[in-house]
Amino acid sequence: MDSDSDSDTDLEKDDENEVSTLKHVTKKFMVYRAGDQSCDYNKTMIYTEDIGDLYMFLGHSQAFCVPASTSPGLKPNCIYFVGRNFGVYDLTTKTCTTFHKDDECPVTRIEFPYWQFSL
């Protein structure tokens, strides 16, 4: 799974020691599935734009898929992510929606929830 970038702001100093603001914006995700094993036991990774009835949760140190048909309110073929921000990427429409607070600032890494599921 590759992400083009995470969304948040960083400060950077230029050559004249002036501070400027950089904004990172999540644009897309690229999803790969494991293909067949080759004779040297390596799996081939195959790009896909469809994960079917699944939705995927991506966090800092974990990723997992769940059937959307078992969870009303969550969309199939979507990636719900946390990182520098909190949002959802729709693989069907190739659109990314970042969740915002009332003041229209993105929810930052300090404020977002981690995915917590009991196994």
PDB file of N, CA and C in Angstrom:
ATOM      1  N   MET A   1       0.854  -1.161   0.000  1.00  0.00           N
ATOM      2  CA  MET A   1       0.000   0.000   0.000  1.00  0.00           C
ATOM      3  C   MET A   1       0.899   1.223   0.000  1.00  0.00           C
ATOM      4  N   ASP A   2       0.697   2.095  -0.924  1.00  0.00           N
ATOM      5  CA  ASP A   2       1.445   3.343  -0.996  1.00  0.00           C
ATOM      6  C   ASP A   2       0.481   4.495  -0.844  1.00  0.00           C
ATOM      7  N   SER A   3       0.912   5.539  -0.155  1.00  0.00           N
ATOM      8  CA  SER A   3       0.130   6.768  -0.055  1.00  0.00           C
ATOM      9  C   SER A   3       0.950   7.872  -0.680  1.00  0.00           C
ATOM     10  N   ASP A   4       0.315   8.706  -1.491  1.00  0.00           N
ATOM     11  CA  ASP A   4       1.024   9.808  -2.129  1.00  0.00           C
ATOM     12  C   ASP A   4       1.638  10.745  -1.104  1.00  0.00           C
ATOM     13  N   SER A   5       0.925  11.041  -0.039  1.00  0.00           N
ATOM     14  CA  SER A   5       1.418  11.937   0.993  1.00  0.00           C
ATOM     15  C   SER A   5       0.400  12.003   2.103  1.00  0.00           C
ATOM     16  N   ASP A   6       0.829  12.416   3.269  1.00  0.00           N
ATOM     17  CA  ASP A   6      -0.104  12.658   4.357  1.00  0.00           C
ATOM     18  C   ASP A   6      -0.382  14.141   4.428  1.00  0.00           C
ATOM     19  N   SER A   7      -1.492  14.490   5.064  1.00  0.00           N
ATOM     20  CA  SER A   7      -1.919  15.878   5.089  1.00  0.00           C
ATOM     21  C   SER A   7      -1.687  16.485   6.451  1.00  0.00           C
ATOM     22  N   ASP A   8      -1.037  17.592   6.504  1.00  0.00           N
ATOM     23  CA  ASP A   8      -0.808  18.368   7.704  1.00  0.00           C
ATOM     24  C   ASP A   8       0.053  19.540   7.283  1.00  0.00           C
ATOM     25  N   THR A   9       0.473  20.342   8.225  1.00  0.00           N
ATOM     26  CA  THR A   9       1.359  21.437   7.874  1.00  0.00           C
ATOM     27  C   THR A   9       2.665  21.289   8.632  1.00  0.00           C
ATOM     28  N   ASP A  10       3.753  21.682   8.013  1.00  0.00           N
ATOM     29  CA  ASP A  10       5.077  21.701   8.615  1.00  0.00           C
ATOM     30  C   ASP A  10       5.672  23.071   8.357  1.00  0.00           C
ATOM     31  N   LEU A  11       6.591  23.470   9.222  1.00  0.00           N
ATOM     32  CA  LEU A  11       7.293  24.734   9.024  1.00  0.00           C
ATOM     33  C   LEU A  11       8.681  24.434   8.496  1.00  0.00           C
ATOM     34  N   GLU A  12       9.145  25.253   7.585  1.00  0.00           N
ATOM     35  CA  GLU A  12      10.459  25.073   6.989  1.00  0.00           C
ATOM     36  C   GLU A  12      11.128  26.430   6.860  1.00  0.00           C
ATOM     37  N   LYS A  13      12.441  26.479   7.131  1.00  0.00           N
ATOM     38  CA  LYS A  13      13.181  27.730   6.966  1.00  0.00           C
ATOM     39  C   LYS A  13      13.889  27.702   5.618  1.00  0.00           C
ATOM     40  N   ASP A  14      13.838  28.830   4.907  1.00  0.00           N
ATOM     41  CA  ASP A  14      14.518  28.901   3.618  1.00  0.00           C
ATOM     42  C   ASP A  14      15.924  29.464   3.807  1.00  0.00           C
ATOM     43  N   ASP A  15      16.626  29.744   2.696  1.00  0.00           N
ATOM     44  CA  ASP A  15      18.006  30.221   2.742  1.00  0.00           C
ATOM     45  C   ASP A  15      18.156  31.547   3.472  1.00  0.00           C
ATOM     46  N   GLU A  16      17.136  32.358   3.459  1.00  0.00           N
ATOM     47  CA  GLU A  16      17.200  33.658   4.125  1.00  0.00           C
ATOM     48  C   GLU A  16      16.668  33.572   5.548  1.00  0.00           C
ATOM     49  N   ASN A  17      16.527  32.357   6.064  1.00  0.00           N
ATOM     50  CA  ASN A  17      16.070  32.093   7.415  1.00  0.00           C
ATOM     51  C   ASN A  17      14.646  32.569   7.664  1.00  0.00           C
ATOM     52  N   GLU A  18      13.850  32.636   6.604  1.00  0.00           N
ATOM     53  CA  GLU A  18      12.443  32.978   6.748  1.00  0.00           C
ATOM     54  C   GLU A  18      11.640  31.685   6.873  1.00  0.00           C
ATOM     55  N   VAL A  19      10.608  31.741   7.668  1.00  0.00           N
ATOM     56  CA  VAL A  19       9.781  30.564   7.899  1.00  0.00           C
ATOM     57  C   VAL A  19       8.641  30.538   6.890  1.00  0.00           C
ATOM     58  N   SER A  20       8.448  29.407   6.264  1.00  0.00           N
ATOM     59  CA  SER A  20       7.315  29.235   5.360  1.00  0.00           C
ATOM     60  C   SER A  20       6.560  27.970   5.777  1.00  0.00           C
ATOM     61  N   THR A  21       5.314  27.898   5.419  1.00  0.00           N
ATOM     62  CA  THR A  21       4.466  26.771   5.786  1.00  0.00           C
ATOM     63  C   THR A  21       4.318  25.826   4.604  1.00  0.00           C
ATOM     64  N   LEU A  22       4.533  24.550   4.863  1.00  0.00           N
ATOM     65  CA  LEU A  22       4.325  23.519   3.851  1.00  0.00           C
ATOM     66  C   LEU A  22       3.093  22.729   4.241  1.00  0.00           C
ATOM     67  N   LYS A  23       2.263  22.422   3.293  1.00  0.00           N
ATOM     68  CA  LYS A  23       1.072  21.629   3.569  1.00  0.00           C
ATOM     69  C   LYS A  23       1.149  20.329   2.782  1.00  0.00           C
ATOM     70  N   HIS A  24       1.056  19.223   3.489  1.00  0.00           N
ATOM     71  CA  HIS A  24       1.050  17.903   2.865  1.00  0.00           C
ATOM     72  C   HIS A  24      -0.398  17.477   2.696  1.00  0.00           C
ATOM     73  N   VAL A  25      -0.760  17.021   1.515  1.00  0.00           N
ATOM     74  CA  VAL A  25      -2.143  16.646   1.232  1.00  0.00           C
ATOM     75  C   VAL A  25      -2.183  15.219   0.687  1.00  0.00           C
ATOM     76  N   THR A  26      -3.003  14.374   1.302  1.00  0.00           N
ATOM     77  CA  THR A  26      -3.194  13.013   0.799  1.00  0.00           C
ATOM     78  C   THR A  26      -3.995  13.086  -0.488  1.00  0.00           C
ATOM     79  N   LYS A  27      -3.453  12.527  -1.558  1.00  0.00           N
ATOM     80  CA  LYS A  27      -4.141  12.563  -2.848  1.00  0.00           C
ATOM     81  C   LYS A  27      -4.665  11.201  -3.264  1.00  0.00           C
ATOM     82  N   LYS A  28      -3.889  10.153  -3.002  1.00  0.00           N
ATOM     83  CA  LYS A  28      -4.334   8.832  -3.436  1.00  0.00           C
ATOM     84  C   LYS A  28      -3.588   7.742  -2.690  1.00  0.00           C
ATOM     85  N   PHE A  29      -4.121   6.551  -2.791  1.00  0.00           N
ATOM     86  CA  PHE A  29      -3.479   5.348  -2.295  1.00  0.00           C
ATOM     87  C   PHE A  29      -3.359   4.383  -3.462  1.00  0.00           C
ATOM     88  N   MET A  30      -2.334   3.573  -3.433  1.00  0.00           N
ATOM     89  CA  MET A  30      -2.176   2.517  -4.427  1.00  0.00           C
ATOM     90  C   MET A  30      -2.184   1.194  -3.670  1.00  0.00           C
ATOM     91  N   VAL A  31      -3.059   0.283  -4.076  1.00  0.00           N
ATOM     92  CA  VAL A  31      -3.237  -0.988  -3.378  1.00  0.00           C
ATOM     93  C   VAL A  31      -2.685  -2.115  -4.241  1.00  0.00           C
ATOM     94  N   TYR A  32      -1.954  -3.006  -3.592  1.00  0.00           N
ATOM     95  CA  TYR A  32      -1.397  -4.180  -4.261  1.00  0.00           C
ATOM     96  C   TYR A  32      -1.867  -5.423  -3.520  1.00  0.00           C
ATOM     97  N   ARG A  33      -2.144  -6.477  -4.260  1.00  0.00           N
ATOM     98  CA  ARG A  33      -2.503  -7.754  -3.650  1.00  0.00           C
ATOM     99  C   ARG A  33      -1.400  -8.758  -3.963  1.00  0.00           C
ATOM    100  N   ALA A  34      -1.293  -9.751  -3.117  1.00  0.00           N
ATOM    101  CA  ALA A  34      -0.275 -10.775  -3.320  1.00  0.00           C
ATOM    102  C   ALA A  34      -0.722 -11.712  -4.432  1.00  0.00           C
ATOM    103  N   GLY A  35       0.168 -11.939  -5.377  1.00  0.00           N
ATOM    104  CA  GLY A  35      -0.101 -12.878  -6.464  1.00  0.00           C
ATOM    105  C   GLY A  35       0.430 -14.254  -6.107  1.00  0.00           C
ATOM    106  N   ASP A  36       0.636 -15.064  -7.100  1.00  0.00           N
ATOM    107  CA  ASP A  36       1.146 -16.417  -6.886  1.00  0.00           C
ATOM    108  C   ASP A  36       2.605 -16.379  -6.460  1.00  0.00           C
ATOM    109  N   GLN A  37       2.998 -17.423  -5.725  1.00  0.00           N
ATOM    110  CA  GLN A  37       4.400 -17.545  -5.353  1.00  0.00           C
ATOM    111  C   GLN A  37       5.196 -18.057  -6.537  1.00  0.00           C
ATOM    112  N   SER A  38       6.380 -17.517  -6.699  1.00  0.00           N
ATOM    113  CA  SER A  38       7.261 -18.012  -7.753  1.00  0.00           C
ATOM    114  C   SER A  38       8.081 -19.176  -7.193  1.00  0.00           C
ATOM    115  N   CYS A  39       8.882 -19.769  -8.026  1.00  0.00           N
ATOM    116  CA  CYS A  39       9.661 -20.928  -7.599  1.00  0.00           C
ATOM    117  C   CYS A  39      10.698 -20.575  -6.528  1.00  0.00           C
ATOM    118  N   ASP A  40      11.064 -19.296  -6.400  1.00  0.00           N
ATOM    119  CA  ASP A  40      12.014 -18.912  -5.351  1.00  0.00           C
ATOM    120  C   ASP A  40      11.293 -18.379  -4.107  1.00  0.00           C
ATOM    121  N   TYR A  41      10.018 -18.707  -3.961  1.00  0.00           N
ATOM    122  CA  TYR A  41       9.186 -18.394  -2.790  1.00  0.00           C
ATOM    123  C   TYR A  41       8.913 -16.905  -2.595  1.00  0.00           C
ATOM    124  N   ASN A  42       9.101 -16.115  -3.613  1.00  0.00           N
ATOM    125  CA  ASN A  42       8.724 -14.702  -3.554  1.00  0.00           C
ATOM    126  C   ASN A  42       7.345 -14.541  -4.162  1.00  0.00           C
ATOM    127  N   LYS A  43       6.523 -13.702  -3.548  1.00  0.00           N
ATOM    128  CA  LYS A  43       5.196 -13.444  -4.103  1.00  0.00           C
ATOM    129  C   LYS A  43       5.258 -12.246  -5.036  1.00  0.00           C
ATOM    130  N   THR A  44       4.496 -12.323  -6.090  1.00  0.00           N
ATOM    131  CA  THR A  44       4.356 -11.210  -7.015  1.00  0.00           C
ATOM    132  C   THR A  44       3.293 -10.274  -6.468  1.00  0.00           C
ATOM    133  N   MET A  45       3.539  -8.975  -6.485  1.00  0.00           N
ATOM    134  CA  MET A  45       2.560  -7.995  -6.036  1.00  0.00           C
ATOM    135  C   MET A  45       1.856  -7.428  -7.262  1.00  0.00           C
ATOM    136  N   ILE A  46       0.519  -7.428  -7.239  1.00  0.00           N
ATOM    137  CA  ILE A  46      -0.288  -7.009  -8.382  1.00  0.00           C
ATOM    138  C   ILE A  46      -1.129  -5.805  -7.987  1.00  0.00           C
ATOM    139  N   TYR A  47      -1.015  -4.723  -8.746  1.00  0.00           N
ATOM    140  CA  TYR A  47      -1.790  -3.505  -8.496  1.00  0.00           C
ATOM    141  C   TYR A  47      -3.273  -3.772  -8.709  1.00  0.00           C
ATOM    142  N   THR A  48      -4.112  -3.245  -7.822  1.00  0.00           N
ATOM    143  CA  THR A  48      -5.556  -3.391  -7.969  1.00  0.00           C
ATOM    144  C   THR A  48      -6.258  -2.100  -7.561  1.00  0.00           C
ATOM    145  N   GLU A  49      -7.385  -1.823  -8.191  1.00  0.00           N
ATOM    146  CA  GLU A  49      -8.203  -0.662  -7.837  1.00  0.00           C
ATOM    147  C   GLU A  49      -9.516  -1.096  -7.202  1.00  0.00           C
ATOM    148  N   ASP A  50      -9.631  -2.380  -6.869  1.00  0.00           N
ATOM    149  CA  ASP A  50     -10.888  -2.895  -6.340  1.00  0.00           C
ATOM    150  C   ASP A  50     -10.613  -3.907  -5.240  1.00  0.00           C
ATOM    151  N   ILE A  51     -11.091  -3.609  -4.036  1.00  0.00           N
ATOM    152  CA  ILE A  51     -10.988  -4.568  -2.937  1.00  0.00           C
ATOM    153  C   ILE A  51     -12.365  -5.136  -2.593  1.00  0.00           C
ATOM    154  N   GLY A  52     -13.315  -4.933  -3.513  1.00  0.00           N
ATOM    155  CA  GLY A  52     -14.640  -5.543  -3.409  1.00  0.00           C
ATOM    156  C   GLY A  52     -15.441  -5.070  -2.216  1.00  0.00           C
ATOM    157  N   ASP A  53     -16.014  -6.029  -1.478  1.00  0.00           N
ATOM    158  CA  ASP A  53     -16.863  -5.731  -0.325  1.00  0.00           C
ATOM    159  C   ASP A  53     -16.042  -5.350   0.905  1.00  0.00           C
ATOM    160  N   LEU A  54     -14.746  -5.294   0.781  1.00  0.00           N
ATOM    161  CA  LEU A  54     -13.904  -4.970   1.931  1.00  0.00           C
ATOM    162  C   LEU A  54     -13.733  -3.469   2.089  1.00  0.00           C
ATOM    163  N   TYR A  55     -13.463  -3.062   3.313  1.00  0.00           N
ATOM    164  CA  TYR A  55     -12.893  -1.749   3.551  1.00  0.00           C
ATOM    165  C   TYR A  55     -11.653  -1.988   4.386  1.00  0.00           C
ATOM    166  N   MET A  56     -10.706  -1.083   4.279  1.00  0.00           N
ATOM    167  CA  MET A  56      -9.411  -1.258   4.907  1.00  0.00           C
ATOM    168  C   MET A  56      -9.186  -0.148   5.922  1.00  0.00           C
ATOM    169  N   PHE A  57      -8.642  -0.515   7.076  1.00  0.00           N
ATOM    170  CA  PHE A  57      -8.213   0.454   8.073  1.00  0.00           C
ATOM    171  C   PHE A  57      -6.696   0.496   8.061  1.00  0.00           C
ATOM    172  N   LEU A  58      -6.124   1.691   7.941  1.00  0.00           N
ATOM    173  CA  LEU A  58      -4.672   1.866   7.998  1.00  0.00           C
ATOM    174  C   LEU A  58      -4.340   2.772   9.164  1.00  0.00           C
ATOM    175  N   GLY A  59      -3.412   2.333  10.007  1.00  0.00           N
ATOM    176  CA  GLY A  59      -2.947   3.126  11.132  1.00  0.00           C
ATOM    177  C   GLY A  59      -1.440   3.229  11.089  1.00  0.00           C
ATOM    178  N   HIS A  60      -0.868   3.722  12.166  1.00  0.00           N
ATOM    179  CA  HIS A  60       0.588   3.870  12.209  1.00  0.00           C
ATOM    180  C   HIS A  60       1.312   2.530  12.172  1.00  0.00           C
ATOM    181  N   SER A  61       0.803   1.558  12.875  1.00  0.00           N
ATOM    182  CA  SER A  61       1.520   0.290  12.939  1.00  0.00           C
ATOM    183  C   SER A  61       0.628  -0.907  12.635  1.00  0.00           C
ATOM    184  N   GLN A  62      -0.510  -0.655  12.023  1.00  0.00           N
ATOM    185  CA  GLN A  62      -1.399  -1.766  11.720  1.00  0.00           C
ATOM    186  C   GLN A  62      -2.253  -1.478  10.502  1.00  0.00           C
ATOM    187  N   ALA A  63      -2.661  -2.539   9.859  1.00  0.00           N
ATOM    188  CA  ALA A  63      -3.587  -2.446   8.725  1.00  0.00           C
ATOM    189  C   ALA A  63      -4.406  -3.725   8.729  1.00  0.00           C
ATOM    190  N   PHE A  64      -5.705  -3.594   8.482  1.00  0.00           N
ATOM    191  CA  PHE A  64      -6.547  -4.774   8.394  1.00  0.00           C
ATOM    192  C   PHE A  64      -7.771  -4.472   7.554  1.00  0.00           C
ATOM    193  N   CYS A  65      -8.377  -5.537   7.025  1.00  0.00           N
ATOM    194  CA  CYS A  65      -9.572  -5.426   6.181  1.00  0.00           C
ATOM    195  C   CYS A  65     -10.755  -6.081   6.877  1.00  0.00           C
ATOM    196  N   VAL A  66     -11.943  -5.526   6.631  1.00  0.00           N
ATOM    197  CA  VAL A  66     -13.184  -6.039   7.209  1.00  0.00           C
ATOM    198  C   VAL A  66     -14.240  -6.018   6.106  1.00  0.00           C
ATOM    199  N   PRO A  67     -15.115  -7.036   6.033  1.00  0.00           N
ATOM    200  CA  PRO A  67     -16.200  -6.991   5.047  1.00  0.00           C
ATOM    201  C   PRO A  67     -17.167  -5.845   5.352  1.00  0.00           C
ATOM    202  N   ALA A  68     -17.436  -5.004   4.386  1.00  0.00           N
ATOM    203  CA  ALA A  68     -18.338  -3.866   4.577  1.00  0.00           C
ATOM    204  C   ALA A  68     -19.759  -4.329   4.858  1.00  0.00           C
ATOM    205  N   SER A  69     -20.123  -5.490   4.351  1.00  0.00           N
ATOM    206  CA  SER A  69     -21.481  -5.997   4.561  1.00  0.00           C
ATOM    207  C   SER A  69     -21.758  -6.305   6.031  1.00  0.00           C
ATOM    208  N   THR A  70     -20.717  -6.416   6.850  1.00  0.00           N
ATOM    209  CA  THR A  70     -20.902  -6.685   8.279  1.00  0.00           C
ATOM    210  C   THR A  70     -20.903  -5.413   9.114  1.00  0.00           C
ATOM    211  N   SER A  71     -20.679  -4.263   8.501  1.00  0.00           N
ATOM    212  CA  SER A  71     -20.572  -3.004   9.242  1.00  0.00           C
ATOM    213  C   SER A  71     -21.368  -1.909   8.555  1.00  0.00           C
ATOM    214  N   PRO A  72     -22.640  -1.738   8.909  1.00  0.00           N
ATOM    215  CA  PRO A  72     -23.446  -0.679   8.294  1.00  0.00           C
ATOM    216  C   PRO A  72     -22.823   0.696   8.538  1.00  0.00           C
ATOM    217  N   GLY A  73     -22.875   1.534   7.523  1.00  0.00           N
ATOM    218  CA  GLY A  73     -22.351   2.892   7.648  1.00  0.00           C
ATOM    219  C   GLY A  73     -20.956   3.079   7.092  1.00  0.00           C
ATOM    220  N   LEU A  74     -20.226   2.002   6.902  1.00  0.00           N
ATOM    221  CA  LEU A  74     -18.900   2.103   6.303  1.00  0.00           C
ATOM    222  C   LEU A  74     -18.987   1.613   4.866  1.00  0.00           C
ATOM    223  N   LYS A  75     -18.275   2.308   3.981  1.00  0.00           N
ATOM    224  CA  LYS A  75     -18.392   2.035   2.549  1.00  0.00           C
ATOM    225  C   LYS A  75     -17.426   0.949   2.098  1.00  0.00           C
ATOM    226  N   PRO A  76     -17.889   0.061   1.216  1.00  0.00           N
ATOM    227  CA  PRO A  76     -16.978  -0.927   0.641  1.00  0.00           C
ATOM    228  C   PRO A  76     -16.002  -0.257  -0.326  1.00  0.00           C
ATOM    229  N   ASN A  77     -14.904  -0.945  -0.584  1.00  0.00           N
ATOM    230  CA  ASN A  77     -13.885  -0.484  -1.531  1.00  0.00           C
ATOM    231  C   ASN A  77     -13.291   0.861  -1.117  1.00  0.00           C
ATOM    232  N   CYS A  78     -13.176   1.072   0.202  1.00  0.00           N
ATOM    233  CA  CYS A  78     -12.622   2.321   0.739  1.00  0.00           C
ATOM    234  C   CYS A  78     -11.506   2.028   1.728  1.00  0.00           C
ATOM    235  N   ILE A  79     -10.627   3.012   1.901  1.00  0.00           N
ATOM    236  CA  ILE A  79      -9.537   2.938   2.861  1.00  0.00           C
ATOM    237  C   ILE A  79      -9.761   4.030   3.898  1.00  0.00           C
ATOM    238  N   TYR A  80      -9.932   3.633   5.157  1.00  0.00           N
ATOM    239  CA  TYR A  80     -10.038   4.577   6.270  1.00  0.00           C
ATOM    240  C   TYR A  80      -8.646   4.670   6.877  1.00  0.00           C
ATOM    241  N   PHE A  81      -8.113   5.883   7.006  1.00  0.00           N
ATOM    242  CA  PHE A  81      -6.717   6.015   7.403  1.00  0.00           C
ATOM    243  C   PHE A  81      -6.516   7.048   8.506  1.00  0.00           C
ATOM    244  N   VAL A  82      -5.478   6.817   9.296  1.00  0.00           N
ATOM    245  CA  VAL A  82      -4.980   7.787  10.261  1.00  0.00           C
ATOM    246  C   VAL A  82      -3.488   7.909  10.017  1.00  0.00           C
ATOM    247  N   GLY A  83      -2.948   9.058  10.243  1.00  0.00           N
ATOM    248  CA  GLY A  83      -1.536   9.338  10.029  1.00  0.00           C
ATOM    249  C   GLY A  83      -1.302  10.756  10.474  1.00  0.00           C
ATOM    250  N   ARG A  84      -0.940  11.619   9.566  1.00  0.00           N
ATOM    251  CA  ARG A  84      -0.883  13.041   9.887  1.00  0.00           C
ATOM    252  C   ARG A  84      -2.283  13.633   9.907  1.00  0.00           C
ATOM    253  N   ASN A  85      -3.238  12.896   9.387  1.00  0.00           N
ATOM    254  CA  ASN A  85      -4.642  13.302   9.438  1.00  0.00           C
ATOM    255  C   ASN A  85      -5.518  12.060   9.513  1.00  0.00           C
ATOM    256  N   PHE A  86      -6.810  12.249   9.368  1.00  0.00           N
ATOM    257  CA  PHE A  86      -7.796  11.195   9.559  1.00  0.00           C
ATOM    258  C   PHE A  86      -8.789  11.332   8.419  1.00  0.00           C
ATOM    259  N   GLY A  87      -8.983  10.289   7.620  1.00  0.00           N
ATOM    260  CA  GLY A  87      -9.881  10.430   6.482  1.00  0.00           C
ATOM    261  C   GLY A  87     -10.224   9.110   5.836  1.00  0.00           C
ATOM    262  N   VAL A  88     -10.833   9.221   4.650  1.00  0.00           N
ATOM    263  CA  VAL A  88     -11.241   8.037   3.893  1.00  0.00           C
ATOM    264  C   VAL A  88     -10.914   8.261   2.420  1.00  0.00           C
ATOM    265  N   TYR A  89     -10.372   7.222   1.784  1.00  0.00           N
ATOM    266  CA  TYR A  89     -10.072   7.260   0.360  1.00  0.00           C
ATOM    267  C   TYR A  89     -10.965   6.236  -0.326  1.00  0.00           C
ATOM    268  N   ASP A  90     -11.738   6.677  -1.312  1.00  0.00           N
ATOM    269  CA  ASP A  90     -12.651   5.808  -2.058  1.00  0.00           C
ATOM    270  C   ASP A  90     -11.932   5.310  -3.309  1.00  0.00           C
ATOM    271  N   LEU A  91     -11.665   4.018  -3.369  1.00  0.00           N
ATOM    272  CA  LEU A  91     -10.958   3.444  -4.522  1.00  0.00           C
ATOM    273  C   LEU A  91     -11.794   3.496  -5.791  1.00  0.00           C
ATOM    274  N   THR A  92     -13.122   3.465  -5.668  1.00  0.00           N
ATOM    275  CA  THR A  92     -13.999   3.493  -6.839  1.00  0.00           C
ATOM    276  C   THR A  92     -13.952   4.849  -7.528  1.00  0.00           C
ATOM    277  N   THR A  93     -14.111   5.918  -6.752  1.00  0.00           N
ATOM    278  CA  THR A  93     -14.152   7.273  -7.321  1.00  0.00           C
ATOM    279  C   THR A  93     -12.792   7.958  -7.320  1.00  0.00           C
ATOM    280  N   LYS A  94     -11.810   7.337  -6.659  1.00  0.00           N
ATOM    281  CA  LYS A  94     -10.460   7.901  -6.528  1.00  0.00           C
ATOM    282  C   LYS A  94     -10.492   9.277  -5.856  1.00  0.00           C
ATOM    283  N   THR A  95     -11.342   9.414  -4.833  1.00  0.00           N
ATOM    284  CA  THR A  95     -11.434  10.672  -4.091  1.00  0.00           C
ATOM    285  C   THR A  95     -11.026  10.450  -2.643  1.00  0.00           C
ATOM    286  N   CYS A  96     -10.412  11.475  -2.070  1.00  0.00           N
ATOM    287  CA  CYS A  96      -9.954  11.430  -0.692  1.00  0.00           C
ATOM    288  C   CYS A  96     -10.685  12.506   0.104  1.00  0.00           C
ATOM    289  N   THR A  97     -11.272  12.120   1.222  1.00  0.00           N
ATOM    290  CA  THR A  97     -11.967  13.056   2.095  1.00  0.00           C
ATOM    291  C   THR A  97     -11.260  13.069   3.438  1.00  0.00           C
ATOM    292  N   THR A  98     -10.795  14.240   3.857  1.00  0.00           N
ATOM    293  CA  THR A  98     -10.165  14.395   5.157  1.00  0.00           C
ATOM    294  C   THR A  98     -11.199  14.929   6.124  1.00  0.00           C
ATOM    295  N   PHE A  99     -11.270  14.342   7.309  1.00  0.00           N
ATOM    296  CA  PHE A  99     -12.230  14.794   8.301  1.00  0.00           C
ATOM    297  C   PHE A  99     -11.700  16.046   8.984  1.00  0.00           C
ATOM    298  N   HIS A 100     -12.584  17.027   9.171  1.00  0.00           N
ATOM    299  CA  HIS A 100     -12.208  18.312   9.748  1.00  0.00           C
ATOM    300  C   HIS A 100     -12.996  18.578  11.012  1.00  0.00           C
ATOM    301  N   LYS A 101     -12.403  19.425  11.857  1.00  0.00           N
ATOM    302  CA  LYS A 101     -13.101  19.904  13.045  1.00  0.00           C
ATOM    303  C   LYS A 101     -13.979  21.078  12.636  1.00  0.00           C
ATOM    304  N   ASP A 102     -14.717  21.626  13.584  1.00  0.00           N
ATOM    305  CA  ASP A 102     -15.621  22.742  13.307  1.00  0.00           C
ATOM    306  C   ASP A 102     -14.919  23.956  12.710  1.00  0.00           C
ATOM    307  N   ASP A 103     -13.661  24.205  13.097  1.00  0.00           N
ATOM    308  CA  ASP A 103     -12.951  25.380  12.584  1.00  0.00           C
ATOM    309  C   ASP A 103     -12.262  25.116  11.246  1.00  0.00           C
ATOM    310  N   GLU A 104     -12.613  23.998  10.584  1.00  0.00           N
ATOM    311  CA  GLU A 104     -12.114  23.623   9.253  1.00  0.00           C
ATOM    312  C   GLU A 104     -10.629  23.279   9.218  1.00  0.00           C
ATOM    313  N   CYS A 105     -10.006  23.057  10.380  1.00  0.00           N
ATOM    314  CA  CYS A 105      -8.630  22.570  10.402  1.00  0.00           C
ATOM    315  C   CYS A 105      -8.681  21.046  10.375  1.00  0.00           C
ATOM    316  N   PRO A 106      -7.787  20.402   9.638  1.00  0.00           N
ATOM    317  CA  PRO A 106      -7.794  18.940   9.624  1.00  0.00           C
ATOM    318  C   PRO A 106      -7.563  18.380  11.025  1.00  0.00           C
ATOM    319  N   VAL A 107      -8.164  17.239  11.303  1.00  0.00           N
ATOM    320  CA  VAL A 107      -7.905  16.550  12.556  1.00  0.00           C
ATOM    321  C   VAL A 107      -6.457  16.088  12.500  1.00  0.00           C
ATOM    322  N   THR A 108      -5.666  16.436  13.500  1.00  0.00           N
ATOM    323  CA  THR A 108      -4.234  16.142  13.459  1.00  0.00           C
ATOM    324  C   THR A 108      -3.903  14.834  14.146  1.00  0.00           C
ATOM    325  N   ARG A 109      -2.648  14.434  14.020  1.00  0.00           N
ATOM    326  CA  ARG A 109      -2.209  13.154  14.559  1.00  0.00           C
ATOM    327  C   ARG A 109      -2.360  13.067  16.070  1.00  0.00           C
ATOM    328  N   ILE A 110      -2.367  14.187  16.769  1.00  0.00           N
ATOM    329  CA  ILE A 110      -2.519  14.177  18.216  1.00  0.00           C
ATOM    330  C   ILE A 110      -3.970  13.897  18.605  1.00  0.00           C
ATOM    331  N   GLU A 111      -4.918  14.282  17.769  1.00  0.00           N
ATOM    332  CA  GLU A 111      -6.327  14.217  18.121  1.00  0.00           C
ATOM    333  C   GLU A 111      -7.060  12.992  17.592  1.00  0.00           C
ATOM    334  N   PHE A 112      -6.500  12.275  16.621  1.00  0.00           N
ATOM    335  CA  PHE A 112      -7.265  11.214  15.989  1.00  0.00           C
ATOM    336  C   PHE A 112      -7.295   9.957  16.853  1.00  0.00           C
ATOM    337  N   PRO A 113      -8.316   9.143  16.670  1.00  0.00           N
ATOM    338  CA  PRO A 113      -8.389   7.876  17.404  1.00  0.00           C
ATOM    339  C   PRO A 113      -7.555   6.809  16.704  1.00  0.00           C
ATOM    340  N   TYR A 114      -7.091   5.862  17.474  1.00  0.00           N
ATOM    341  CA  TYR A 114      -6.468   4.681  16.893  1.00  0.00           C
ATOM    342  C   TYR A 114      -7.556   3.640  16.713  1.00  0.00           C
ATOM    343  N   TRP A 115      -7.393   2.747  15.753  1.00  0.00           N
ATOM    344  CA  TRP A 115      -8.377   1.685  15.562  1.00  0.00           C
ATOM    345  C   TRP A 115      -8.214   0.708  16.708  1.00  0.00           C
ATOM    346  N   GLN A 116      -9.272   0.472  17.430  1.00  0.00           N
ATOM    347  CA  GLN A 116      -9.209  -0.475  18.539  1.00  0.00           C
ATOM    348  C   GLN A 116     -10.309  -1.508  18.368  1.00  0.00           C
ATOM    349  N   PHE A 117      -9.894  -2.727  18.121  1.00  0.00           N
ATOM    350  CA  PHE A 117     -10.827  -3.830  17.974  1.00  0.00           C
ATOM    351  C   PHE A 117     -10.343  -4.973  18.848  1.00  0.00           C
ATOM    352  N   SER A 118     -11.250  -5.617  19.523  1.00  0.00           N
ATOM    353  CA  SER A 118     -10.860  -6.789  20.311  1.00  0.00           C
ATOM    354  C   SER A 118     -10.861  -8.012  19.402  1.00  0.00           C
ATOM    355  N   LEU A 119      -9.877  -8.832  19.565  1.00  0.00           N
ATOM    356  CA  LEU A 119      -9.755 -10.040  18.741  1.00  0.00           C
ATOM    357  C   LEU A 119     -10.278 -11.245  19.473  1.00  0.00           C
TER     358      LEU A 119
END
